[in-house]
Amino acid sequence: MPILQRMTSPNPPKAAPEEPEEPAKPEEPKLPAESSREEESSNPQVIAPVQPQPAPKPQAPAPASSSSQPKEESSKSESKEYDAKTYEKAGEYDNRQTLGNVSIKAGSIILENKTIKGRLNIAKDAYGTIELVDCVVEGPLYIRGGETIIITDSRVSEVFVMESNGNEVILAADSESRIGKVTAYTSVVLDESTLDSSRQGFSDLKVASGDPTVYVTLVNTLLTRATVEEETYLYIDGGSLISRLRVNEPTMIHGEGEIELLTIASDNITSYIIPDEEEKTKNRFDDVEYLEYSTALAKPTGLAVAYTGSGFRLSWNTVAHATGYRVEMTADGLSYAKSQSGTSIAVGDDFIGKSTTFKVQATTTQAGYSAGDWASLAFTPKQVGDLTGFRVDSVSGNNVKLVWNAAANAESYTLTYQKNGVETATSINDLTGTTTTVTLTEAGEYSFTLKTVGAADVKPAAVPASTITYTFGG
């Protein structure tokens, strides 16, 4: 019973929770270049650090609530007496504060030493990485944007992954963080690979009705409980474990991780992982179809990054028997992951100028085949720098010497010039230096336009050309 035959649900998806109102009062960020950090108030509110609690193996929690919708009433009542904040500029905000409702509307933001009594909303236009450090979020965290959310030495009561800007949201628990229930309406990666040995991190995951198919990846993550209420592609890596997994909708389970107890509440479940125990509900659904990995898919070949005219794209060759691909991009402080069916993917502008590692893995839902090895490529997407200093340097007789400053990542330059009022222009191509001399035969006003030319894998500058005018002769 291949799972992909059931990947369109006969019932319409449940409506996602309404967008909470956005708080006001934007706060100016601490710019990274400044040497001093924000000054703390004279009577700062001390946020107690998260105390590590050993958890050698997740235990079964109390039964979950049947409601799949977030509740915001408590956060409203608790936060009404505190100031609301909106963060709209990249930077580090590290002064100690107690706030009400908070909204983040930009990426590359670090919130530190904050106690948030209300809800924390990461808005749709907040692209990039967002980090919470030594924070306490007493209300719910709504993720409607962002790409990588890092929770470091912090406590978050509840998380709702609502939208993802078309990308898979990476939600990472770092150091001694503790996060309550995570409800995913769209694809998400839960990552505890940098969590301390106390392993408090994530405990409870619910996949709710949202996207037609939800991709969930566990990276070195221990979950006490997980409930699947939407058709799901669940990947449990070798360092991950789910103590109690209940599957209410058709699901494909991949990976080398562990499942201690699997509760079968749906038919058409296919798994490459055999649980320690298995139980059926009173509806007496069919057994899970357990598959064995027999043949690993080939490693993707032909990895390349090129500028296509609208942006950089990473591409690779098709792998036989693959039904999808797993893509990861990592650079200085940036990370991106996505599962998809195609053989190319756009590279975000955040990676331009950064030494980036691109990784691609072929995955499959075909019986008898397993995911293959990762192929990797180290590459720095480059952009042509600004063209500056273009000017007439000297004139000798009919010869006019032009000079300019070298533009970063320019392979060559093209000069076009003409006398004003004359339709025909003269072009000089493939100039590799930063100077050239042209010979003019008629007096008058001339226009000179210099344009940078980058290699095929270099993005043109935002302003790639520079034009000057010069009056020659009398």
Protein backbone atom coordinates (compact mmCIF):
# COMPACT_ATOMS: atom_id res chain seq x y z
CA MET A 1 0.00 0.00 0.00
CA PRO A 2 2.20 2.88 -1.18
CA ILE A 3 1.65 5.93 0.96
CA LEU A 4 1.78 8.41 -1.92
CA GLN A 5 -1.52 7.10 -3.26
CA ARG A 6 -3.22 8.57 -0.22
CA MET A 7 -1.48 11.93 -0.02
CA THR A 8 -4.57 14.01 -0.91
CA SER A 9 -6.94 14.08 2.04
CA PRO A 10 -10.66 13.69 1.19
CA ASN A 11 -11.51 16.20 3.89
CA PRO A 12 -10.61 19.90 3.62
CA PRO A 13 -7.84 20.98 6.01
CA LYS A 14 -8.84 22.59 9.27
CA ALA A 15 -8.48 26.32 9.35
CA ALA A 16 -5.26 27.54 10.94
CA PRO A 17 -5.61 29.93 13.89
CA GLU A 18 -6.25 33.55 13.09
CA GLU A 19 -3.29 35.91 12.87
CA PRO A 20 -2.84 37.61 16.27
CA GLU A 21 -2.77 41.34 16.28
CA GLU A 22 0.71 42.80 15.94
CA PRO A 23 2.17 44.70 18.91
CA ALA A 24 3.45 48.21 18.44
CA LYS A 25 6.45 50.25 19.58
CA PRO A 26 9.38 49.06 17.45
CA GLU A 27 12.70 48.97 19.28
CA GLU A 28 15.95 50.01 17.60
CA PRO A 29 18.47 47.14 17.44
CA LYS A 30 22.00 47.03 18.70
CA LEU A 31 24.07 47.21 15.52
CA PRO A 32 26.69 44.44 15.28
CA ALA A 33 29.49 46.93 14.54
CA GLU A 34 29.11 48.81 17.82
CA SER A 35 31.53 47.89 20.53
CA SER A 36 29.25 48.28 23.52
CA ARG A 37 26.15 46.24 24.31
CA GLU A 38 22.83 47.71 25.40
CA GLU A 39 22.96 49.04 28.92
CA GLU A 40 20.84 47.18 31.40
CA SER A 41 18.49 49.05 33.70
CA SER A 42 19.64 49.81 37.22
CA ASN A 43 17.14 47.35 38.63
CA PRO A 44 17.08 44.54 36.09
CA GLN A 45 14.60 41.73 36.39
CA VAL A 46 16.63 38.58 36.87
CA ILE A 47 15.55 35.66 34.74
CA ALA A 48 16.40 32.43 36.47
CA PRO A 49 18.41 30.09 34.24
CA VAL A 50 16.87 26.84 33.16
CA GLN A 51 17.82 24.13 35.63
CA PRO A 52 18.94 20.90 33.96
CA GLN A 53 16.83 17.87 34.84
CA PRO A 54 18.17 14.48 33.87
CA ALA A 55 15.92 12.55 31.55
CA PRO A 56 17.57 9.25 30.66
CA LYS A 57 14.56 8.11 28.64
CA PRO A 58 11.26 9.88 27.80
CA GLN A 59 8.21 8.69 29.78
CA ALA A 60 4.62 8.70 28.63
CA PRO A 61 2.83 11.95 29.57
CA ALA A 62 -0.82 12.46 30.41
CA PRO A 63 -3.29 12.23 27.47
CA ALA A 64 -3.25 15.24 25.13
CA SER A 65 -6.16 17.63 24.70
CA SER A 66 -8.38 16.88 21.71
CA SER A 67 -8.33 20.46 20.50
CA SER A 68 -5.92 21.21 17.63
CA GLN A 69 -6.29 24.98 17.70
CA PRO A 70 -4.07 27.34 19.73
CA LYS A 71 -5.68 29.28 22.55
CA GLU A 72 -4.61 32.89 23.02
CA GLU A 73 -6.93 34.10 25.79
CA SER A 74 -4.53 33.47 28.67
CA SER A 75 -1.66 35.29 26.95
CA LYS A 76 -3.88 38.33 26.35
CA SER A 77 -4.95 38.59 29.98
CA GLU A 78 -1.47 38.05 31.37
CA SER A 79 0.21 40.51 28.98
CA LYS A 80 -2.18 43.45 29.08
CA GLU A 81 -0.27 45.26 31.85
CA TYR A 82 3.09 45.01 30.06
CA ASP A 83 4.43 46.93 27.07
CA ALA A 84 4.13 45.36 23.63
CA LYS A 85 7.20 45.34 21.38
CA THR A 86 7.82 45.03 17.65
CA TYR A 87 11.31 44.25 16.32
CA GLU A 88 11.68 45.32 12.69
CA LYS A 89 15.46 45.62 12.23
CA ALA A 90 18.21 43.01 12.30
CA GLY A 91 20.45 43.16 15.36
CA GLU A 92 20.98 41.98 18.94
CA TYR A 93 18.58 43.16 21.64
CA ASP A 94 20.11 42.14 24.96
CA ASN A 95 18.80 44.51 27.65
CA ARG A 96 16.83 42.74 30.37
CA GLN A 97 13.10 43.38 29.97
CA THR A 98 9.67 42.04 30.87
CA LEU A 99 7.27 42.50 27.96
CA GLY A 100 3.72 41.70 26.95
CA ASN A 101 2.99 40.62 23.38
CA VAL A 102 6.04 40.66 21.07
CA SER A 103 6.31 40.58 17.29
CA ILE A 104 9.42 39.92 15.16
CA LYS A 105 9.28 41.24 11.60
CA ALA A 106 12.87 40.77 10.39
CA GLY A 107 15.53 38.07 10.27
CA SER A 108 19.03 38.08 11.81
CA ILE A 109 17.57 39.06 15.18
CA ILE A 110 18.77 37.89 18.61
CA LEU A 111 16.51 38.49 21.62
CA GLU A 112 18.34 38.06 24.90
CA ASN A 113 17.30 38.32 28.56
CA LYS A 114 13.61 38.83 27.78
CA THR A 115 10.60 37.64 29.77
CA ILE A 116 7.59 37.66 27.46
CA LYS A 117 4.32 37.43 29.38
CA GLY A 118 2.15 37.33 26.27
CA ARG A 119 2.57 35.74 22.88
CA LEU A 120 5.63 35.90 20.64
CA ASN A 121 4.75 36.19 16.96
CA ILE A 122 7.36 35.66 14.21
CA ALA A 123 5.71 37.38 11.26
CA LYS A 124 5.56 36.21 7.64
CA ASP A 125 8.14 38.76 6.49
CA ALA A 126 10.77 37.69 9.07
CA TYR A 127 13.16 35.79 6.79
CA GLY A 128 16.47 34.36 8.02
CA THR A 129 17.70 33.22 11.44
CA ILE A 130 16.08 34.26 14.73
CA GLU A 131 17.54 33.33 18.12
CA LEU A 132 16.18 33.49 21.67
CA VAL A 133 18.89 33.52 24.35
CA ASP A 134 18.13 33.34 28.09
CA CYS A 135 14.49 34.13 27.42
CA VAL A 136 11.22 33.00 29.00
CA VAL A 137 8.14 32.97 26.77
CA GLU A 138 5.10 32.37 28.96
CA GLY A 139 2.58 32.71 26.14
CA PRO A 140 2.55 30.79 22.86
CA LEU A 141 5.19 31.20 20.14
CA TYR A 142 3.63 31.53 16.67
CA ILE A 143 5.98 30.87 13.73
CA ARG A 144 4.64 32.36 10.51
CA GLY A 145 8.00 33.27 8.98
CA GLY A 146 11.69 32.84 9.60
CA GLU A 147 13.78 29.93 8.37
CA THR A 148 15.85 28.88 11.39
CA ILE A 149 14.61 29.48 14.95
CA ILE A 150 17.26 28.77 17.62
CA ILE A 151 16.15 28.56 21.25
CA THR A 152 19.19 28.80 23.54
CA ASP A 153 19.05 28.46 27.36
CA SER A 154 15.40 29.50 27.21
CA ARG A 155 11.93 28.29 28.15
CA VAL A 156 9.01 28.42 25.73
CA SER A 157 5.58 27.27 26.87
CA GLU A 158 4.11 26.22 23.51
CA VAL A 159 5.00 26.51 19.81
CA PHE A 160 2.74 26.68 16.75
CA VAL A 161 4.47 26.30 13.37
CA MET A 162 1.88 27.99 11.18
CA GLU A 163 3.62 28.89 7.92
CA SER A 164 7.13 28.72 6.53
CA ASN A 165 7.49 31.08 3.54
CA GLY A 166 7.58 27.99 1.35
CA ASN A 167 10.53 26.54 3.27
CA GLU A 168 10.89 23.89 5.94
CA VAL A 169 11.19 25.62 9.33
CA ILE A 170 14.21 24.51 11.38
CA LEU A 171 13.45 24.68 15.11
CA ALA A 172 16.59 24.03 17.18
CA ALA A 173 16.83 23.56 20.97
CA ASP A 174 20.27 24.57 22.22
CA SER A 175 22.11 24.21 25.55
CA GLU A 176 19.59 23.87 28.42
CA SER A 177 16.38 24.94 26.71
CA ARG A 178 12.95 23.56 27.54
CA ILE A 179 10.10 23.77 25.04
CA GLY A 180 6.49 22.76 25.60
CA LYS A 181 4.19 21.20 23.03
CA VAL A 182 5.02 21.84 19.36
CA THR A 183 2.05 21.85 16.97
CA ALA A 184 3.04 21.79 13.29
CA TYR A 185 0.62 22.84 10.56
CA THR A 186 3.44 22.78 8.00
CA SER A 187 6.82 21.08 7.49
CA VAL A 188 9.35 21.37 10.30
CA VAL A 189 12.75 20.10 11.45
CA LEU A 190 13.21 19.56 15.20
CA ASP A 191 16.91 19.59 16.10
CA GLU A 192 18.38 18.80 19.52
CA SER A 193 21.91 18.11 18.29
CA THR A 194 23.38 20.97 20.38
CA LEU A 195 21.24 20.38 23.47
CA ASP A 196 23.02 19.67 26.76
CA SER A 197 23.00 16.18 28.21
CA SER A 198 20.00 17.01 30.41
CA ARG A 199 18.02 16.74 27.15
CA GLN A 200 15.01 18.74 28.28
CA GLY A 201 14.44 20.28 24.79
CA PHE A 202 11.32 19.10 22.98
CA SER A 203 8.92 16.61 24.52
CA ASP A 204 5.56 16.65 22.71
CA LEU A 205 4.82 17.01 18.98
CA LYS A 206 1.48 17.18 17.21
CA VAL A 207 1.15 17.27 13.41
CA ALA A 208 -2.16 19.08 12.80
CA SER A 209 -4.31 19.52 9.71
CA GLY A 210 -2.67 22.17 7.55
CA ASP A 211 -0.59 21.46 4.46
CA PRO A 212 -1.80 18.51 2.32
CA THR A 213 1.38 16.63 3.26
CA VAL A 214 3.62 17.61 6.18
CA TYR A 215 7.32 16.69 6.24
CA VAL A 216 8.70 16.26 9.76
CA THR A 217 12.38 15.55 10.43
CA LEU A 218 13.85 14.70 13.85
CA VAL A 219 17.56 15.38 14.27
CA ASN A 220 19.07 13.81 17.41
CA THR A 221 15.76 14.50 19.15
CA LEU A 222 13.98 12.61 21.95
CA LEU A 223 10.19 12.98 22.07
CA THR A 224 8.01 11.67 24.87
CA ARG A 225 4.98 11.73 22.62
CA ALA A 226 4.09 12.46 19.00
CA THR A 227 0.63 12.48 17.41
CA VAL A 228 0.05 12.55 13.66
CA GLU A 229 -3.28 14.01 12.52
CA GLU A 230 -2.29 14.89 8.95
CA GLU A 231 -0.77 12.85 6.13
CA THR A 232 2.89 12.98 7.02
CA TYR A 233 6.36 12.02 5.82
CA LEU A 234 8.20 11.41 9.11
CA TYR A 235 11.98 11.05 9.16
CA ILE A 236 13.56 9.90 12.46
CA ASP A 237 17.35 9.97 12.26
CA GLY A 238 19.63 7.52 14.03
CA GLY A 239 20.05 9.74 17.10
CA SER A 240 16.31 10.26 17.65
CA LEU A 241 13.65 8.39 19.60
CA ILE A 242 9.87 8.67 20.07
CA SER A 243 8.54 7.00 23.20
CA ARG A 244 4.88 7.01 22.13
CA LEU A 245 3.82 7.61 18.53
CA ARG A 246 0.12 7.64 17.60
CA VAL A 247 -0.70 7.77 13.88
CA ASN A 248 -4.22 8.92 12.96
CA GLU A 249 -3.61 9.53 9.23
CA PRO A 250 -1.68 7.74 6.45
CA THR A 251 2.03 8.17 7.16
CA MET A 252 5.40 7.16 5.74
CA ILE A 253 8.07 6.65 8.43
CA HIS A 254 11.73 6.66 7.40
CA GLY A 255 15.07 6.70 9.20
CA GLU A 256 17.22 4.66 11.56
CA GLY A 257 15.80 6.01 14.82
CA GLU A 258 13.65 4.25 17.45
CA ILE A 259 9.94 4.04 18.26
CA GLU A 260 9.11 2.42 21.60
CA LEU A 261 5.32 2.23 21.25
CA LEU A 262 3.37 2.73 18.00
CA THR A 263 -0.41 3.16 18.25
CA ILE A 264 -2.16 2.40 14.96
CA ALA A 265 -5.24 4.60 14.45
CA SER A 266 -5.15 4.70 10.64
CA ASP A 267 -4.64 2.35 7.75
CA ASN A 268 -2.06 2.84 4.99
CA ILE A 269 0.93 3.29 7.30
CA THR A 270 4.33 2.32 5.92
CA SER A 271 7.44 2.29 8.07
CA TYR A 272 11.11 1.40 7.81
CA ILE A 273 11.32 1.40 11.63
CA ILE A 274 9.91 -1.50 13.66
CA PRO A 275 8.73 -0.31 17.11
CA ASP A 276 9.43 -2.12 20.37
CA GLU A 277 5.66 -2.48 20.91
CA GLU A 278 2.64 -2.02 18.69
CA GLU A 279 -1.01 -1.55 19.59
CA LYS A 280 -4.18 -1.05 17.56
CA THR A 281 -7.18 1.05 18.43
CA LYS A 282 -10.65 -0.44 18.79
CA ASN A 283 -11.25 0.25 15.08
CA ARG A 284 -8.90 -2.68 14.34
CA PHE A 285 -6.89 -1.06 11.55
CA ASP A 286 -4.64 -3.13 9.35
CA ASP A 287 -1.07 -3.79 10.40
CA VAL A 288 1.67 -1.38 9.48
CA GLU A 289 3.53 -2.34 6.31
CA TYR A 290 7.10 -2.69 7.52
CA LEU A 291 9.80 -2.45 4.87
CA GLU A 292 13.46 -3.31 4.98
CA TYR A 293 16.10 -1.15 3.43
CA SER A 294 17.60 -3.27 0.69
CA THR A 295 19.20 -0.96 -1.85
CA ALA A 296 20.54 2.50 -1.05
CA LEU A 297 19.94 5.13 -3.71
CA ALA A 298 22.92 6.55 -5.54
CA LYS A 299 24.59 9.72 -4.35
CA PRO A 300 23.42 12.73 -6.43
CA THR A 301 25.91 13.88 -9.07
CA GLY A 302 26.44 17.07 -11.00
CA LEU A 303 26.03 19.47 -8.08
CA ALA A 304 26.54 23.01 -9.39
CA VAL A 305 25.61 26.56 -8.48
CA ALA A 306 25.06 29.13 -11.22
CA TYR A 307 23.50 32.53 -11.63
CA THR A 308 20.42 32.15 -13.86
CA GLY A 309 19.51 35.80 -14.48
CA SER A 310 17.07 36.06 -11.59
CA GLY A 311 19.20 34.54 -8.84
CA PHE A 312 21.52 31.68 -7.91
CA ARG A 313 20.27 28.10 -8.19
CA LEU A 314 21.73 24.84 -6.92
CA SER A 315 21.11 21.96 -9.35
CA TRP A 316 21.96 18.26 -9.62
CA ASN A 317 21.25 15.24 -11.79
CA THR A 318 18.22 12.96 -11.37
CA VAL A 319 18.79 9.83 -9.24
CA ALA A 320 17.11 6.59 -10.30
CA HIS A 321 14.23 5.45 -8.03
CA ALA A 322 14.28 8.72 -6.09
CA THR A 323 10.88 10.22 -5.29
CA GLY A 324 12.36 13.28 -3.58
CA TYR A 325 15.49 15.02 -2.44
CA ARG A 326 16.68 16.43 0.85
CA VAL A 327 18.64 19.71 0.49
CA GLU A 328 20.72 21.47 3.15
CA MET A 329 22.70 24.72 2.93
CA THR A 330 24.96 25.95 5.73
CA ALA A 331 27.13 29.05 6.01
CA ASP A 332 28.34 31.39 8.77
CA GLY A 333 25.42 31.33 11.19
CA LEU A 334 22.95 30.43 8.43
CA SER A 335 21.21 27.13 7.80
CA TYR A 336 18.48 26.01 5.44
CA ALA A 337 16.83 22.64 4.86
CA LYS A 338 14.06 21.47 2.59
CA SER A 339 12.57 18.29 1.16
CA GLN A 340 11.37 18.52 -2.44
CA SER A 341 10.77 16.56 -5.64
CA GLY A 342 12.68 18.69 -8.18
CA THR A 343 16.39 18.71 -9.03
CA SER A 344 17.16 22.39 -8.49
CA ILE A 345 16.50 24.95 -5.78
CA ALA A 346 16.96 28.70 -5.36
CA VAL A 347 19.83 29.95 -3.20
CA GLY A 348 18.79 32.86 -0.98
CA ASP A 349 20.58 36.20 -1.19
CA ASP A 350 21.62 35.72 2.46
CA PHE A 351 24.25 33.22 1.21
CA ILE A 352 25.87 35.60 -1.30
CA GLY A 353 29.48 36.31 -0.36
CA LYS A 354 29.56 33.52 2.23
CA SER A 355 31.46 30.25 2.00
CA THR A 356 28.56 27.80 1.83
CA THR A 357 28.31 24.02 1.98
CA PHE A 358 25.52 22.59 -0.17
CA LYS A 359 24.34 19.02 0.51
CA VAL A 360 21.82 16.91 -1.40
CA GLN A 361 20.46 13.46 -0.57
CA ALA A 362 18.13 11.33 -2.70
CA THR A 363 15.11 9.91 -0.81
CA THR A 364 12.41 7.48 -1.88
CA THR A 365 9.09 5.94 -0.96
CA GLN A 366 9.60 2.96 -3.28
CA ALA A 367 9.67 -0.42 -1.57
CA GLY A 368 13.10 -2.03 -1.47
CA TYR A 369 15.04 1.23 -1.66
CA SER A 370 16.43 3.56 0.99
CA ALA A 371 17.85 7.07 1.07
CA GLY A 372 21.34 7.37 -0.37
CA ASP A 373 24.51 9.11 0.75
CA TRP A 374 24.81 12.88 0.80
CA ALA A 375 26.58 14.69 -2.02
CA SER A 376 28.22 17.97 -1.03
CA LEU A 377 29.63 21.05 -2.72
CA ALA A 378 31.59 23.93 -1.18
CA PHE A 379 30.89 27.16 -3.03
CA THR A 380 30.77 30.90 -2.41
CA PRO A 381 28.02 32.65 -4.39
CA LYS A 382 29.55 35.94 -5.49
CA GLN A 383 28.18 39.30 -6.56
CA VAL A 384 29.88 41.93 -8.67
CA GLY A 385 30.90 44.89 -6.55
CA ASP A 386 30.00 48.52 -7.14
CA LEU A 387 31.72 50.38 -9.93
CA THR A 388 33.37 53.55 -8.57
CA GLY A 389 35.84 56.21 -9.57
CA PHE A 390 34.97 56.30 -13.30
CA ARG A 391 36.37 59.58 -14.69
CA VAL A 392 38.42 61.31 -17.39
CA ASP A 393 42.00 61.19 -16.17
CA SER A 394 43.82 63.18 -18.88
CA VAL A 395 43.58 64.42 -22.48
CA SER A 396 46.45 64.46 -24.96
CA GLY A 397 45.48 65.79 -28.37
CA ASN A 398 42.61 63.64 -29.60
CA ASN A 399 43.29 60.95 -27.01
CA VAL A 400 41.11 60.84 -23.88
CA LYS A 401 42.30 58.61 -21.04
CA LEU A 402 39.55 57.07 -18.86
CA VAL A 403 40.22 55.40 -15.48
CA TRP A 404 38.13 53.65 -12.81
CA ASN A 405 38.47 51.59 -9.66
CA ALA A 406 38.42 47.80 -9.88
CA ALA A 407 35.05 46.29 -8.99
CA ALA A 408 35.03 43.17 -6.83
CA ASN A 409 34.47 39.91 -8.76
CA ALA A 410 34.54 41.69 -12.14
CA GLU A 411 35.94 39.52 -14.92
CA SER A 412 36.10 42.36 -17.46
CA TYR A 413 34.55 45.70 -18.43
CA THR A 414 32.69 47.03 -21.47
CA LEU A 415 32.95 50.70 -22.49
CA THR A 416 30.37 52.32 -24.75
CA TYR A 417 30.67 55.96 -25.87
CA GLN A 418 29.08 58.33 -28.35
CA LYS A 419 28.79 62.00 -29.17
CA ASN A 420 25.51 63.38 -27.87
CA GLY A 421 22.92 63.62 -30.61
CA VAL A 422 24.58 60.87 -32.66
CA GLU A 423 22.74 57.55 -32.73
CA THR A 424 25.71 55.31 -33.48
CA ALA A 425 27.78 54.31 -30.44
CA THR A 426 31.24 52.77 -30.22
CA SER A 427 31.86 49.80 -27.89
CA ILE A 428 35.09 48.40 -26.52
CA ASN A 429 34.67 44.93 -24.98
CA ASP A 430 36.78 42.70 -22.75
CA LEU A 431 38.71 45.45 -20.95
CA THR A 432 40.58 43.66 -18.19
CA GLY A 433 42.42 46.57 -16.60
CA THR A 434 41.15 49.75 -14.97
CA THR A 435 42.08 52.21 -17.72
CA THR A 436 41.64 52.70 -21.47
CA THR A 437 42.25 55.48 -24.01
CA VAL A 438 39.80 56.46 -26.75
CA THR A 439 40.49 58.69 -29.76
CA LEU A 440 37.92 61.38 -30.54
CA THR A 441 37.83 63.13 -33.92
CA GLU A 442 35.09 65.72 -33.37
CA ALA A 443 34.60 68.34 -30.71
CA GLY A 444 31.45 68.20 -28.62
CA GLU A 445 29.86 66.61 -25.57
CA TYR A 446 30.35 62.84 -25.22
CA SER A 447 28.69 60.21 -23.00
CA PHE A 448 30.82 57.35 -21.68
CA THR A 449 29.17 54.28 -20.08
CA LEU A 450 31.27 51.65 -18.31
CA LYS A 451 29.74 48.30 -17.35
CA THR A 452 31.19 45.47 -15.27
CA VAL A 453 31.04 41.92 -16.55
CA GLY A 454 31.12 38.99 -14.11
CA ALA A 455 31.74 35.32 -14.75
CA ALA A 456 28.80 33.00 -15.41
CA ASP A 457 28.56 32.11 -11.71
CA VAL A 458 28.68 35.72 -10.45
CA LYS A 459 25.59 37.82 -9.81
CA PRO A 460 25.65 41.29 -11.42
CA ALA A 461 25.79 44.27 -9.11
CA ALA A 462 22.59 46.10 -8.24
CA VAL A 463 23.94 49.14 -10.17
CA PRO A 464 26.23 47.48 -12.75
CA ALA A 465 27.01 50.52 -14.96
CA SER A 466 28.37 54.02 -14.52
CA THR A 467 27.91 56.92 -16.99
CA ILE A 468 29.83 60.20 -17.24
CA THR A 469 29.77 63.08 -19.75
CA TYR A 470 32.76 65.04 -21.05
CA THR A 471 33.05 68.01 -23.40
CA PHE A 472 35.91 67.49 -25.84
CA GLY A 473 37.66 70.27 -27.78
CA GLY A 474 36.50 73.79 -28.33
